[in-house]
PDB file of all heavy atoms in Angstrom:
ATOM      1  N   LEU A   1      11.423  45.180 -58.732  1.00  0.00           N
ATOM      2  CA  LEU A   1      10.447  46.259 -59.050  1.00  0.00           C
ATOM      3  C   LEU A   1       9.273  46.266 -58.084  1.00  0.00           C
ATOM      4  O   LEU A   1       8.181  46.672 -58.432  1.00  0.00           O
ATOM      5  CB  LEU A   1       9.950  46.064 -60.467  1.00  0.00           C
ATOM      6  CG  LEU A   1      11.052  46.290 -61.599  1.00  0.00           C
ATOM      7  CD1 LEU A   1      10.456  45.855 -62.910  1.00  0.00           C
ATOM      8  CD2 LEU A   1      11.508  47.747 -61.537  1.00  0.00           C
ATOM      9  N   GLY A   2       9.520  45.773 -56.860  1.00  0.00           N
ATOM     10  CA  GLY A   2       8.511  45.908 -55.825  1.00  0.00           C
ATOM     11  C   GLY A   2       7.560  44.700 -55.802  1.00  0.00           C
ATOM     12  O   GLY A   2       7.933  43.589 -56.249  1.00  0.00           O
ATOM     13  N   VAL A   3       6.374  44.934 -55.312  1.00  0.00           N
ATOM     14  CA  VAL A   3       5.350  43.888 -55.174  1.00  0.00           C
ATOM     15  C   VAL A   3       4.037  44.370 -55.727  1.00  0.00           C
ATOM     16  O   VAL A   3       3.908  45.567 -56.066  1.00  0.00           O
ATOM     17  CB  VAL A   3       5.167  43.456 -53.714  1.00  0.00           C
ATOM     18  CG1 VAL A   3       6.427  42.774 -53.175  1.00  0.00           C
ATOM     19  CG2 VAL A   3       4.826  44.641 -52.846  1.00  0.00           C
ATOM     20  N   ASP A   4       3.116  43.497 -55.948  1.00  0.00           N
ATOM     21  CA  ASP A   4       1.848  43.788 -56.578  1.00  0.00           C
ATOM     22  C   ASP A   4       1.202  45.075 -56.095  1.00  0.00           C
ATOM     23  O   ASP A   4       0.793  45.915 -56.817  1.00  0.00           O
ATOM     24  CB  ASP A   4       0.897  42.620 -56.477  1.00  0.00           C
ATOM     25  CG  ASP A   4       1.019  41.661 -57.669  1.00  0.00           C
ATOM     26  OD1 ASP A   4       1.468  42.127 -58.742  1.00  0.00           O
ATOM     27  OD2 ASP A   4       0.693  40.512 -57.504  1.00  0.00           O
ATOM     28  N   ASP A   5       1.028  45.176 -54.773  1.00  0.00           N
ATOM     29  CA  ASP A   5       0.336  46.319 -54.177  1.00  0.00           C
ATOM     30  C   ASP A   5       1.264  47.492 -53.966  1.00  0.00           C
ATOM     31  O   ASP A   5       0.726  48.578 -53.508  1.00  0.00           O
ATOM     32  CB  ASP A   5      -0.319  45.914 -52.859  1.00  0.00           C
ATOM     33  CG  ASP A   5       0.687  45.407 -51.826  1.00  0.00           C
ATOM     34  OD1 ASP A   5       1.875  45.218 -52.226  1.00  0.00           O
ATOM     35  OD2 ASP A   5       0.339  45.221 -50.684  1.00  0.00           O
ATOM     36  N   ALA A   6       2.448  47.444 -54.358  1.00  0.00           N
ATOM     37  CA  ALA A   6       3.396  48.566 -54.257  1.00  0.00           C
ATOM     38  C   ALA A   6       4.544  48.420 -55.287  1.00  0.00           C
ATOM     39  O   ALA A   6       5.667  48.253 -54.933  1.00  0.00           O
ATOM     40  CB  ALA A   6       3.946  48.661 -52.850  1.00  0.00           C
ATOM     41  N   VAL A   7       4.174  48.457 -56.522  1.00  0.00           N
ATOM     42  CA  VAL A   7       5.232  48.393 -57.592  1.00  0.00           C
ATOM     43  C   VAL A   7       6.148  49.597 -57.402  1.00  0.00           C
ATOM     44  O   VAL A   7       5.772  50.721 -57.330  1.00  0.00           O
ATOM     45  CB  VAL A   7       4.584  48.420 -59.012  1.00  0.00           C
ATOM     46  CG1 VAL A   7       5.646  48.496 -60.045  1.00  0.00           C
ATOM     47  CG2 VAL A   7       3.693  47.165 -59.188  1.00  0.00           C
ATOM     48  N   ASP A   8       7.448  49.290 -57.347  1.00  0.00           N
ATOM     49  CA  ASP A   8       8.465  50.310 -57.061  1.00  0.00           C
ATOM     50  C   ASP A   8       9.527  50.248 -58.171  1.00  0.00           C
ATOM     51  O   ASP A   8      10.405  49.383 -58.202  1.00  0.00           O
ATOM     52  CB  ASP A   8       9.086  50.009 -55.686  1.00  0.00           C
ATOM     53  CG  ASP A   8      10.080  51.052 -55.223  1.00  0.00           C
ATOM     54  OD1 ASP A   8      10.495  51.845 -56.053  1.00  0.00           O
ATOM     55  OD2 ASP A   8      10.401  51.082 -54.017  1.00  0.00           O
ATOM     56  N   PRO A   9       9.511  51.227 -59.086  1.00  0.00           N
ATOM     57  CA  PRO A   9      10.480  51.288 -60.138  1.00  0.00           C
ATOM     58  C   PRO A   9      11.772  51.978 -59.837  1.00  0.00           C
ATOM     59  O   PRO A   9      12.567  52.272 -60.704  1.00  0.00           O
ATOM     60  CB  PRO A   9       9.665  52.042 -61.219  1.00  0.00           C
ATOM     61  CG  PRO A   9       8.883  53.048 -60.464  1.00  0.00           C
ATOM     62  CD  PRO A   9       8.553  52.328 -59.174  1.00  0.00           C
ATOM     63  N   SER A  10      11.995  52.282 -58.547  1.00  0.00           N
ATOM     64  CA  SER A  10      13.160  53.145 -58.137  1.00  0.00           C
ATOM     65  C   SER A  10      14.503  52.569 -58.582  1.00  0.00           C
ATOM     66  O   SER A  10      15.419  53.272 -58.981  1.00  0.00           O
ATOM     67  CB  SER A  10      13.140  53.426 -56.675  1.00  0.00           C
ATOM     68  OG  SER A  10      13.195  52.282 -55.871  1.00  0.00           O
ATOM     69  N   MET A  11      14.644  51.237 -58.470  1.00  0.00           N
ATOM     70  CA  MET A  11      15.926  50.613 -58.838  1.00  0.00           C
ATOM     71  C   MET A  11      16.126  50.737 -60.388  1.00  0.00           C
ATOM     72  O   MET A  11      17.261  51.122 -60.800  1.00  0.00           O
ATOM     73  CB  MET A  11      15.902  49.099 -58.427  1.00  0.00           C
ATOM     74  CG  MET A  11      17.277  48.468 -58.486  1.00  0.00           C
ATOM     75  SD  MET A  11      18.402  48.973 -57.142  1.00  0.00           S
ATOM     76  CE  MET A  11      17.875  47.930 -55.810  1.00  0.00           C
ATOM     77  N   ALA A  12      15.081  50.449 -61.149  1.00  0.00           N
ATOM     78  CA  ALA A  12      15.201  50.559 -62.595  1.00  0.00           C
ATOM     79  C   ALA A  12      15.365  52.015 -62.963  1.00  0.00           C
ATOM     80  O   ALA A  12      16.220  52.342 -63.873  1.00  0.00           O
ATOM     81  CB  ALA A  12      13.958  49.981 -63.229  1.00  0.00           C
ATOM     82  N   ASN A  13      14.651  52.950 -62.332  1.00  0.00           N
ATOM     83  CA  ASN A  13      14.776  54.364 -62.690  1.00  0.00           C
ATOM     84  C   ASN A  13      16.171  54.863 -62.459  1.00  0.00           C
ATOM     85  O   ASN A  13      16.699  55.746 -63.136  1.00  0.00           O
ATOM     86  CB  ASN A  13      13.750  55.155 -61.901  1.00  0.00           C
ATOM     87  CG  ASN A  13      12.313  54.988 -62.465  1.00  0.00           C
ATOM     88  OD1 ASN A  13      12.162  54.561 -63.538  1.00  0.00           O
ATOM     89  ND2 ASN A  13      11.330  55.358 -61.684  1.00  0.00           N
ATOM     90  N   ALA A  14      16.797  54.371 -61.349  1.00  0.00           N
ATOM     91  CA  ALA A  14      18.169  54.816 -61.042  1.00  0.00           C
ATOM     92  C   ALA A  14      19.109  54.366 -62.143  1.00  0.00           C
ATOM     93  O   ALA A  14      20.028  55.171 -62.518  1.00  0.00           O
ATOM     94  CB  ALA A  14      18.577  54.248 -59.670  1.00  0.00           C
ATOM     95  N   LEU A  15      18.975  53.174 -62.682  1.00  0.00           N
ATOM     96  CA  LEU A  15      19.814  52.694 -63.747  1.00  0.00           C
ATOM     97  C   LEU A  15      19.530  53.428 -64.998  1.00  0.00           C
ATOM     98  O   LEU A  15      20.437  53.769 -65.797  1.00  0.00           O
ATOM     99  CB  LEU A  15      19.562  51.213 -63.923  1.00  0.00           C
ATOM    100  CG  LEU A  15      20.131  50.268 -62.857  1.00  0.00           C
ATOM    101  CD1 LEU A  15      19.479  48.928 -62.873  1.00  0.00           C
ATOM    102  CD2 LEU A  15      21.620  50.157 -62.878  1.00  0.00           C
ATOM    103  N   LEU A  16      18.233  53.723 -65.329  1.00  0.00           N
ATOM    104  CA  LEU A  16      17.939  54.482 -66.465  1.00  0.00           C
ATOM    105  C   LEU A  16      18.486  55.891 -66.457  1.00  0.00           C
ATOM    106  O   LEU A  16      18.974  56.464 -67.398  1.00  0.00           O
ATOM    107  CB  LEU A  16      16.429  54.528 -66.688  1.00  0.00           C
ATOM    108  CG  LEU A  16      15.793  53.156 -67.058  1.00  0.00           C
ATOM    109  CD1 LEU A  16      14.230  53.280 -67.005  1.00  0.00           C
ATOM    110  CD2 LEU A  16      16.198  52.698 -68.437  1.00  0.00           C
ATOM    111  N   ALA A  17      18.372  56.512 -65.217  1.00  0.00           N
ATOM    112  CA  ALA A  17      18.971  57.820 -65.028  1.00  0.00           C
ATOM    113  C   ALA A  17      20.507  57.814 -65.267  1.00  0.00           C
ATOM    114  O   ALA A  17      21.083  58.843 -65.623  1.00  0.00           O
ATOM    115  CB  ALA A  17      18.654  58.292 -63.607  1.00  0.00           C
ATOM    116  N   GLY A  18      21.082  56.641 -65.016  1.00  0.00           N
ATOM    117  CA  GLY A  18      22.533  56.494 -65.193  1.00  0.00           C
ATOM    118  C   GLY A  18      22.905  56.191 -66.676  1.00  0.00           C
ATOM    119  O   GLY A  18      24.075  55.929 -66.918  1.00  0.00           O
ATOM    120  N   GLY A  19      21.911  56.211 -67.513  1.00  0.00           N
ATOM    121  CA  GLY A  19      22.200  56.038 -68.973  1.00  0.00           C
ATOM    122  C   GLY A  19      21.789  54.711 -69.603  1.00  0.00           C
ATOM    123  O   GLY A  19      21.878  54.532 -70.747  1.00  0.00           O
ATOM    124  N   ALA A  20      21.409  53.724 -68.724  1.00  0.00           N
ATOM    125  CA  ALA A  20      20.979  52.463 -69.263  1.00  0.00           C
ATOM    126  C   ALA A  20      19.836  52.672 -70.251  1.00  0.00           C
ATOM    127  O   ALA A  20      18.932  53.429 -70.054  1.00  0.00           O
ATOM    128  CB  ALA A  20      20.506  51.509 -68.119  1.00  0.00           C
ATOM    129  N   ARG A  21      19.957  51.858 -71.352  1.00  0.00           N
ATOM    130  CA  ARG A  21      18.956  52.084 -72.380  1.00  0.00           C
ATOM    131  C   ARG A  21      17.613  51.388 -72.067  1.00  0.00           C
ATOM    132  O   ARG A  21      16.580  51.824 -72.379  1.00  0.00           O
ATOM    133  CB  ARG A  21      19.497  51.569 -73.779  1.00  0.00           C
ATOM    134  CG  ARG A  21      18.595  51.981 -74.920  1.00  0.00           C
ATOM    135  CD  ARG A  21      19.225  51.648 -76.234  1.00  0.00           C
ATOM    136  NE  ARG A  21      18.304  51.897 -77.348  1.00  0.00           N
ATOM    137  CZ  ARG A  21      18.567  51.562 -78.624  1.00  0.00           C
ATOM    138  NH1 ARG A  21      19.700  50.975 -78.948  1.00  0.00           N
ATOM    139  NH2 ARG A  21      17.698  51.856 -79.539  1.00  0.00           N
ATOM    140  N   ALA A  22      17.748  50.171 -71.439  1.00  0.00           N
ATOM    141  CA  ALA A  22      16.563  49.461 -71.074  1.00  0.00           C
ATOM    142  C   ALA A  22      16.880  48.629 -69.823  1.00  0.00           C
ATOM    143  O   ALA A  22      18.000  48.129 -69.680  1.00  0.00           O
ATOM    144  CB  ALA A  22      16.122  48.517 -72.238  1.00  0.00           C
ATOM    145  N   VAL A  23      15.847  48.357 -68.979  1.00  0.00           N
ATOM    146  CA  VAL A  23      16.005  47.583 -67.786  1.00  0.00           C
ATOM    147  C   VAL A  23      14.805  46.630 -67.688  1.00  0.00           C
ATOM    148  O   VAL A  23      13.663  46.986 -67.823  1.00  0.00           O
ATOM    149  CB  VAL A  23      16.021  48.401 -66.529  1.00  0.00           C
ATOM    150  CG1 VAL A  23      16.167  47.568 -65.250  1.00  0.00           C
ATOM    151  CG2 VAL A  23      17.150  49.458 -66.603  1.00  0.00           C
ATOM    152  N   VAL A  24      15.135  45.317 -67.461  1.00  0.00           N
ATOM    153  CA  VAL A  24      14.129  44.294 -67.271  1.00  0.00           C
ATOM    154  C   VAL A  24      14.301  43.773 -65.850  1.00  0.00           C
ATOM    155  O   VAL A  24      15.353  43.509 -65.391  1.00  0.00           O
ATOM    156  CB  VAL A  24      14.300  43.136 -68.288  1.00  0.00           C
ATOM    157  CG1 VAL A  24      13.282  42.066 -68.044  1.00  0.00           C
ATOM    158  CG2 VAL A  24      14.172  43.643 -69.693  1.00  0.00           C
ATOM    159  N   GLY A  25      13.097  43.609 -65.168  1.00  0.00           N
ATOM    160  CA  GLY A  25      13.163  43.100 -63.829  1.00  0.00           C
ATOM    161  C   GLY A  25      11.863  42.526 -63.429  1.00  0.00           C
ATOM    162  O   GLY A  25      10.868  42.573 -64.147  1.00  0.00           O
ATOM    163  N   TYR A  26      11.802  41.946 -62.184  1.00  0.00           N
ATOM    164  CA  TYR A  26      10.618  41.252 -61.751  1.00  0.00           C
ATOM    165  C   TYR A  26       9.908  42.018 -60.609  1.00  0.00           C
ATOM    166  O   TYR A  26      10.511  42.677 -59.807  1.00  0.00           O
ATOM    167  CB  TYR A  26      10.992  39.876 -61.176  1.00  0.00           C
ATOM    168  CG  TYR A  26      11.339  38.862 -62.265  1.00  0.00           C
ATOM    169  CD1 TYR A  26      12.618  38.669 -62.630  1.00  0.00           C
ATOM    170  CD2 TYR A  26      10.279  38.183 -62.875  1.00  0.00           C
ATOM    171  CE1 TYR A  26      12.883  37.729 -63.669  1.00  0.00           C
ATOM    172  CE2 TYR A  26      10.589  37.246 -63.875  1.00  0.00           C
ATOM    173  CZ  TYR A  26      11.886  37.009 -64.248  1.00  0.00           C
ATOM    174  OH  TYR A  26      12.185  36.134 -65.247  1.00  0.00           O
ATOM    175  N   VAL A  27       8.535  41.917 -60.656  1.00  0.00           N
ATOM    176  CA  VAL A  27       7.716  42.260 -59.589  1.00  0.00           C
ATOM    177  C   VAL A  27       7.429  41.023 -58.789  1.00  0.00           C
ATOM    178  O   VAL A  27       7.146  39.968 -59.400  1.00  0.00           O
ATOM    179  CB  VAL A  27       6.402  42.920 -60.075  1.00  0.00           C
ATOM    180  CG1 VAL A  27       5.447  43.241 -58.922  1.00  0.00           C
ATOM    181  CG2 VAL A  27       6.657  44.162 -60.921  1.00  0.00           C
ATOM    182  N   ASN A  28       7.523  41.108 -57.486  1.00  0.00           N
ATOM    183  CA  ASN A  28       7.301  39.943 -56.571  1.00  0.00           C
ATOM    184  C   ASN A  28       8.484  38.982 -56.558  1.00  0.00           C
ATOM    185  O   ASN A  28       9.470  39.107 -57.322  1.00  0.00           O
ATOM    186  CB  ASN A  28       6.006  39.205 -56.895  1.00  0.00           C
ATOM    187  CG  ASN A  28       4.797  40.028 -56.694  1.00  0.00           C
ATOM    188  OD1 ASN A  28       4.678  40.765 -55.724  1.00  0.00           O
ATOM    189  ND2 ASN A  28       3.817  39.903 -57.567  1.00  0.00           N
ATOM    190  N   ASN A  29       8.413  37.969 -55.721  1.00  0.00           N
ATOM    191  CA  ASN A  29       9.442  36.929 -55.584  1.00  0.00           C
ATOM    192  C   ASN A  29       9.281  35.941 -56.748  1.00  0.00           C
ATOM    193  O   ASN A  29       8.157  35.494 -57.092  1.00  0.00           O
ATOM    194  CB  ASN A  29       9.320  36.177 -54.287  1.00  0.00           C
ATOM    195  CG  ASN A  29       9.692  37.033 -53.085  1.00  0.00           C
ATOM    196  OD1 ASN A  29      10.629  37.823 -53.154  1.00  0.00           O
ATOM    197  ND2 ASN A  29       8.971  36.913 -52.037  1.00  0.00           N
ATOM    198  N   VAL A  30      10.406  35.651 -57.399  1.00  0.00           N
ATOM    199  CA  VAL A  30      10.294  34.822 -58.596  1.00  0.00           C
ATOM    200  C   VAL A  30      10.984  33.439 -58.393  1.00  0.00           C
ATOM    201  O   VAL A  30      11.983  33.336 -57.721  1.00  0.00           O
ATOM    202  CB  VAL A  30      10.973  35.557 -59.772  1.00  0.00           C
ATOM    203  CG1 VAL A  30      12.477  35.848 -59.489  1.00  0.00           C
ATOM    204  CG2 VAL A  30      10.832  34.758 -61.067  1.00  0.00           C
ATOM    205  N   TYR A  31      10.341  32.401 -58.956  1.00  0.00           N
ATOM    206  CA  TYR A  31      10.929  31.025 -58.877  1.00  0.00           C
ATOM    207  C   TYR A  31      12.225  31.037 -59.649  1.00  0.00           C
ATOM    208  O   TYR A  31      12.356  31.587 -60.769  1.00  0.00           O
ATOM    209  CB  TYR A  31       9.980  30.028 -59.494  1.00  0.00           C
ATOM    210  CG  TYR A  31       8.810  29.614 -58.587  1.00  0.00           C
ATOM    211  CD1 TYR A  31       7.523  29.834 -58.976  1.00  0.00           C
ATOM    212  CD2 TYR A  31       9.090  29.086 -57.350  1.00  0.00           C
ATOM    213  CE1 TYR A  31       6.455  29.455 -58.130  1.00  0.00           C
ATOM    214  CE2 TYR A  31       8.086  28.654 -56.512  1.00  0.00           C
ATOM    215  CZ  TYR A  31       6.772  28.820 -56.898  1.00  0.00           C
ATOM    216  OH  TYR A  31       5.729  28.536 -56.081  1.00  0.00           O
ATOM    217  N   THR A  32      13.258  30.332 -59.132  1.00  0.00           N
ATOM    218  CA  THR A  32      14.587  30.287 -59.666  1.00  0.00           C
ATOM    219  C   THR A  32      14.581  29.773 -61.110  1.00  0.00           C
ATOM    220  O   THR A  32      15.200  30.415 -62.016  1.00  0.00           O
ATOM    221  CB  THR A  32      15.480  29.434 -58.830  1.00  0.00           C
ATOM    222  OG1 THR A  32      15.594  30.001 -57.512  1.00  0.00           O
ATOM    223  CG2 THR A  32      16.877  29.297 -59.385  1.00  0.00           C
ATOM    224  N   VAL A  33      13.989  28.642 -61.326  1.00  0.00           N
ATOM    225  CA  VAL A  33      14.016  28.036 -62.656  1.00  0.00           C
ATOM    226  C   VAL A  33      13.297  28.822 -63.722  1.00  0.00           C
ATOM    227  O   VAL A  33      13.783  29.007 -64.814  1.00  0.00           O
ATOM    228  CB  VAL A  33      13.415  26.570 -62.620  1.00  0.00           C
ATOM    229  CG1 VAL A  33      13.520  25.929 -63.981  1.00  0.00           C
ATOM    230  CG2 VAL A  33      14.307  25.689 -61.659  1.00  0.00           C
ATOM    231  N   TYR A  34      12.166  29.453 -63.328  1.00  0.00           N
ATOM    232  CA  TYR A  34      11.468  30.299 -64.290  1.00  0.00           C
ATOM    233  C   TYR A  34      12.322  31.482 -64.662  1.00  0.00           C
ATOM    234  O   TYR A  34      12.473  31.817 -65.898  1.00  0.00           O
ATOM    235  CB  TYR A  34      10.150  30.754 -63.642  1.00  0.00           C
ATOM    236  CG  TYR A  34       9.368  31.778 -64.520  1.00  0.00           C
ATOM    237  CD1 TYR A  34       8.631  31.278 -65.566  1.00  0.00           C
ATOM    238  CD2 TYR A  34       9.428  33.157 -64.250  1.00  0.00           C
ATOM    239  CE1 TYR A  34       7.923  32.193 -66.391  1.00  0.00           C
ATOM    240  CE2 TYR A  34       8.777  34.041 -65.013  1.00  0.00           C
ATOM    241  CZ  TYR A  34       7.986  33.566 -66.064  1.00  0.00           C
ATOM    242  OH  TYR A  34       7.307  34.479 -66.872  1.00  0.00           O
ATOM    243  N   SER A  35      12.921  32.193 -63.717  1.00  0.00           N
ATOM    244  CA  SER A  35      13.812  33.275 -63.956  1.00  0.00           C
ATOM    245  C   SER A  35      14.947  32.954 -64.852  1.00  0.00           C
ATOM    246  O   SER A  35      15.275  33.657 -65.808  1.00  0.00           O
ATOM    247  CB  SER A  35      14.308  33.900 -62.629  1.00  0.00           C
ATOM    248  OG  SER A  35      15.242  34.884 -62.855  1.00  0.00           O
ATOM    249  N   ARG A  36      15.593  31.834 -64.553  1.00  0.00           N
ATOM    250  CA  ARG A  36      16.741  31.414 -65.368  1.00  0.00           C
ATOM    251  C   ARG A  36      16.305  31.017 -66.767  1.00  0.00           C
ATOM    252  O   ARG A  36      17.027  31.398 -67.733  1.00  0.00           O
ATOM    253  CB  ARG A  36      17.336  30.180 -64.632  1.00  0.00           C
ATOM    254  CG  ARG A  36      18.598  29.628 -65.302  1.00  0.00           C
ATOM    255  CD  ARG A  36      19.257  28.596 -64.370  1.00  0.00           C
ATOM    256  NE  ARG A  36      18.386  27.403 -64.220  1.00  0.00           N
ATOM    257  CZ  ARG A  36      18.264  26.764 -63.067  1.00  0.00           C
ATOM    258  NH1 ARG A  36      18.846  27.184 -61.960  1.00  0.00           N
ATOM    259  NH2 ARG A  36      17.535  25.706 -62.988  1.00  0.00           N
ATOM    260  N   SER A  37      15.178  30.450 -66.950  1.00  0.00           N
ATOM    261  CA  SER A  37      14.718  30.065 -68.251  1.00  0.00           C
ATOM    262  C   SER A  37      14.355  31.350 -69.050  1.00  0.00           C
ATOM    263  O   SER A  37      14.630  31.442 -70.291  1.00  0.00           O
ATOM    264  CB  SER A  37      13.497  29.129 -68.186  1.00  0.00           C
ATOM    265  OG  SER A  37      13.805  27.909 -67.442  1.00  0.00           O
ATOM    266  N   MET A  38      13.662  32.313 -68.384  1.00  0.00           N
ATOM    267  CA  MET A  38      13.354  33.534 -69.085  1.00  0.00           C
ATOM    268  C   MET A  38      14.598  34.271 -69.515  1.00  0.00           C
ATOM    269  O   MET A  38      14.648  34.807 -70.666  1.00  0.00           O
ATOM    270  CB  MET A  38      12.535  34.397 -68.106  1.00  0.00           C
ATOM    271  CG  MET A  38      11.082  34.003 -67.861  1.00  0.00           C
ATOM    272  SD  MET A  38      10.016  34.230 -69.278  1.00  0.00           S
ATOM    273  CE  MET A  38       9.924  36.035 -69.218  1.00  0.00           C
ATOM    274  N   LEU A  39      15.649  34.295 -68.697  1.00  0.00           N
ATOM    275  CA  LEU A  39      16.904  34.929 -69.019  1.00  0.00           C
ATOM    276  C   LEU A  39      17.463  34.277 -70.250  1.00  0.00           C
ATOM    277  O   LEU A  39      17.925  34.936 -71.250  1.00  0.00           O
ATOM    278  CB  LEU A  39      17.837  34.839 -67.841  1.00  0.00           C
ATOM    279  CG  LEU A  39      19.306  35.177 -68.131  1.00  0.00           C
ATOM    280  CD1 LEU A  39      19.419  36.693 -68.476  1.00  0.00           C
ATOM    281  CD2 LEU A  39      20.197  34.848 -66.950  1.00  0.00           C
ATOM    282  N   TRP A  40      17.546  32.980 -70.283  1.00  0.00           N
ATOM    283  CA  TRP A  40      18.165  32.153 -71.337  1.00  0.00           C
ATOM    284  C   TRP A  40      17.447  32.493 -72.659  1.00  0.00           C
ATOM    285  O   TRP A  40      18.066  32.809 -73.680  1.00  0.00           O
ATOM    286  CB  TRP A  40      17.975  30.714 -71.031  1.00  0.00           C
ATOM    287  CG  TRP A  40      18.297  29.671 -72.131  1.00  0.00           C
ATOM    288  CD1 TRP A  40      17.360  28.892 -72.736  1.00  0.00           C
ATOM    289  CD2 TRP A  40      19.559  29.402 -72.698  1.00  0.00           C
ATOM    290  NE1 TRP A  40      17.999  28.138 -73.668  1.00  0.00           N
ATOM    291  CE2 TRP A  40      19.359  28.409 -73.657  1.00  0.00           C
ATOM    292  CE3 TRP A  40      20.812  29.868 -72.467  1.00  0.00           C
ATOM    293  CZ2 TRP A  40      20.378  27.847 -74.400  1.00  0.00           C
ATOM    294  CZ3 TRP A  40      21.864  29.352 -73.240  1.00  0.00           C
ATOM    295  CH2 TRP A  40      21.643  28.398 -74.165  1.00  0.00           C
ATOM    296  N   ASP A  41      16.151  32.436 -72.654  1.00  0.00           N
ATOM    297  CA  ASP A  41      15.422  32.686 -73.901  1.00  0.00           C
ATOM    298  C   ASP A  41      15.478  34.135 -74.382  1.00  0.00           C
ATOM    299  O   ASP A  41      15.664  34.394 -75.647  1.00  0.00           O
ATOM    300  CB  ASP A  41      13.947  32.306 -73.737  1.00  0.00           C
ATOM    301  CG  ASP A  41      13.217  32.075 -75.009  1.00  0.00           C
ATOM    302  OD1 ASP A  41      13.311  30.912 -75.558  1.00  0.00           O
ATOM    303  OD2 ASP A  41      12.505  32.968 -75.555  1.00  0.00           O
ATOM    304  N   THR A  42      15.458  35.048 -73.465  1.00  0.00           N
ATOM    305  CA  THR A  42      15.529  36.452 -73.788  1.00  0.00           C
ATOM    306  C   THR A  42      16.868  36.779 -74.449  1.00  0.00           C
ATOM    307  O   THR A  42      16.927  37.437 -75.485  1.00  0.00           O
ATOM    308  CB  THR A  42      15.305  37.378 -72.541  1.00  0.00           C
ATOM    309  OG1 THR A  42      14.032  37.138 -72.057  1.00  0.00           O
ATOM    310  CG2 THR A  42      15.480  38.789 -72.905  1.00  0.00           C
ATOM    311  N   VAL A  43      17.974  36.330 -73.813  1.00  0.00           N
ATOM    312  CA  VAL A  43      19.283  36.703 -74.349  1.00  0.00           C
ATOM    313  C   VAL A  43      19.531  35.985 -75.711  1.00  0.00           C
ATOM    314  O   VAL A  43      20.128  36.544 -76.628  1.00  0.00           O
ATOM    315  CB  VAL A  43      20.428  36.296 -73.337  1.00  0.00           C
ATOM    316  CG1 VAL A  43      21.773  36.510 -73.999  1.00  0.00           C
ATOM    317  CG2 VAL A  43      20.233  37.111 -72.097  1.00  0.00           C
TER     318      VAL A  43
END
């Protein structure tokens, strides 16, 4: 979803336009373990 000074929702918007009900994603580069842990808990 881009970076702090240029948040870019185009990837998520394309999926939503394709019918996706909800899209979750990151702004900026994300640490591997944090991302994996967030995924685990969310699901």
